[in-house]
Amino acid sequence: QVQLVESGGGSVQAGGSLRLSCAASRYTSRSRLMGWFRQAPGKEREGVAAIYRDDGDTYYADSVKGRFTISRDSAGNTVNLQMNSLKPEDTAIYYCAAGSAAWPIFEEYKYKYWGQGTQVTVSS
């Protein structure tokens, strides 16, 4: 069954912007943390950004700091990833995930619920 649903992927020129959205469901309503991971061909999946649904604390991979912003609605049921100044190396499938992670925040096994992914392609 679908646990999380991502939207907003697409193709953009380098320097452009995209906004990804992730909608939680009743299956993930008790998860405290929601985040974004990405995987490019031939590379390991990596954490990108995460946010606690209750207090809004945010975390970012060094590679996207200053360019990406994660946010949530007031109830923590929708999480967005605003991606600015996109680079070709940002090209990947982006996955929304939910869990109850403690530090370190991007250990994948702590995220119990996942979306199917959305493709982001950045051309030069």
Protein backbone atom coordinates (compact mmCIF):
# COMPACT_ATOMS: atom_id res chain seq x y z
CA GLN A 1 0.00 0.00 0.00
CA VAL A 2 1.05 3.58 -0.62
CA GLN A 3 2.46 5.02 2.59
CA LEU A 4 3.52 8.48 1.43
CA VAL A 5 2.87 10.31 -1.82
CA GLU A 6 5.43 12.61 -3.43
CA SER A 7 4.73 15.19 -6.10
CA GLY A 8 6.49 18.05 -7.83
CA GLY A 9 9.32 16.30 -9.62
CA GLY A 10 10.28 17.24 -13.13
CA SER A 11 13.01 18.59 -15.36
CA VAL A 12 14.69 21.94 -14.96
CA GLN A 13 17.74 23.77 -16.23
CA ALA A 14 20.70 24.29 -13.93
CA GLY A 15 20.05 27.25 -11.69
CA GLY A 16 16.31 26.69 -11.71
CA SER A 17 13.94 25.68 -8.95
CA LEU A 18 11.49 22.93 -8.11
CA ARG A 19 9.24 22.29 -5.15
CA LEU A 20 8.54 18.78 -3.96
CA SER A 21 5.62 17.93 -1.71
CA CYS A 22 4.93 14.92 0.45
CA ALA A 23 1.55 14.05 1.92
CA ALA A 24 1.33 11.88 4.99
CA SER A 25 -1.43 9.34 5.45
CA ARG A 26 -3.18 7.60 8.29
CA TYR A 27 -0.46 4.99 8.09
CA THR A 28 2.21 7.50 9.06
CA SER A 29 0.26 9.82 11.34
CA ARG A 30 2.26 8.81 14.41
CA SER A 31 5.68 9.32 12.83
CA ARG A 32 7.50 12.27 14.37
CA LEU A 33 9.98 12.86 11.57
CA MET A 34 9.56 13.32 7.85
CA GLY A 35 12.41 13.66 5.45
CA TRP A 36 13.68 13.53 1.92
CA PHE A 37 16.25 11.13 0.54
CA ARG A 38 17.60 10.90 -2.98
CA GLN A 39 19.36 8.33 -5.10
CA ALA A 40 21.23 8.97 -8.32
CA PRO A 41 22.19 6.14 -10.71
CA GLY A 42 25.27 4.34 -9.45
CA LYS A 43 25.25 6.13 -6.12
CA GLU A 44 24.09 5.30 -2.63
CA ARG A 45 20.85 6.75 -1.39
CA GLU A 46 21.52 9.78 0.77
CA GLY A 47 19.57 11.92 3.16
CA VAL A 48 18.76 15.40 1.91
CA ALA A 49 16.59 17.14 4.48
CA ALA A 50 14.34 16.28 7.40
CA ILE A 51 11.88 18.01 9.67
CA TYR A 52 10.16 17.11 12.90
CA ARG A 53 6.42 17.30 12.46
CA ASP A 54 5.79 18.62 15.95
CA ASP A 55 8.38 21.32 16.62
CA GLY A 56 9.59 21.99 13.07
CA ASP A 57 13.30 21.45 13.73
CA THR A 58 15.10 20.98 10.42
CA TYR A 59 18.21 19.17 9.25
CA TYR A 60 20.08 19.31 5.94
CA ALA A 61 22.83 17.51 4.14
CA ASP A 62 25.87 19.71 3.62
CA SER A 63 25.47 19.39 -0.14
CA VAL A 64 22.13 21.22 -0.14
CA LYS A 65 22.51 23.75 2.67
CA GLY A 66 21.70 27.24 1.49
CA ARG A 67 19.86 25.94 -1.57
CA PHE A 68 17.10 23.66 -0.28
CA THR A 69 14.48 24.45 2.35
CA ILE A 70 12.22 21.91 4.03
CA SER A 71 8.96 23.05 5.58
CA ARG A 72 5.71 21.67 6.95
CA ASP A 73 2.12 22.72 7.37
CA SER A 74 0.83 23.49 10.85
CA ALA A 75 -0.33 19.92 11.46
CA GLY A 76 2.79 18.32 10.03
CA ASN A 77 0.74 16.43 7.46
CA THR A 78 2.34 17.95 4.39
CA VAL A 79 6.06 18.48 3.97
CA ASN A 80 7.61 20.50 1.17
CA LEU A 81 11.12 20.69 -0.18
CA GLN A 82 11.90 23.91 -1.99
CA MET A 83 14.93 23.35 -4.19
CA ASN A 84 16.68 26.43 -5.55
CA SER A 85 19.87 26.91 -7.53
CA LEU A 86 19.63 23.37 -8.78
CA LYS A 87 22.73 21.68 -10.13
CA PRO A 88 23.10 18.68 -12.45
CA GLU A 89 24.43 16.69 -9.49
CA ASP A 90 21.03 17.12 -7.83
CA THR A 91 19.57 14.81 -10.47
CA ALA A 92 18.10 11.81 -8.67
CA ILE A 93 14.96 10.07 -7.61
CA TYR A 94 13.72 11.83 -4.50
CA TYR A 95 11.92 9.85 -1.83
CA CYS A 96 9.79 11.06 1.02
CA ALA A 97 10.09 9.06 4.21
CA ALA A 98 8.66 9.09 7.71
CA GLY A 99 9.88 7.65 10.96
CA SER A 100 10.97 8.41 14.49
CA ALA A 101 14.66 9.02 14.04
CA ALA A 102 17.03 10.19 16.69
CA TRP A 103 20.49 11.54 16.01
CA PRO A 104 22.09 10.80 13.56
CA ILE A 105 19.06 11.89 11.64
CA PHE A 106 19.62 10.29 8.22
CA GLU A 107 20.01 6.63 9.10
CA GLU A 108 17.63 5.00 6.64
CA TYR A 109 16.57 2.10 8.82
CA LYS A 110 14.90 4.53 11.20
CA TYR A 111 12.44 5.58 8.50
CA LYS A 112 9.69 3.00 8.43
CA TYR A 113 7.42 4.49 5.78
CA TRP A 114 8.39 5.49 2.26
CA GLY A 115 6.94 6.94 -0.89
CA GLN A 116 7.58 5.58 -4.37
CA GLY A 117 9.84 8.45 -5.39
CA THR A 118 9.69 11.31 -7.85
CA GLN A 119 12.27 12.02 -10.54
CA VAL A 120 14.20 15.28 -10.52
CA THR A 121 16.36 15.96 -13.56
CA VAL A 122 18.63 18.99 -13.78
CA SER A 123 20.25 19.67 -17.12
CA SER A 124 23.29 21.79 -17.81
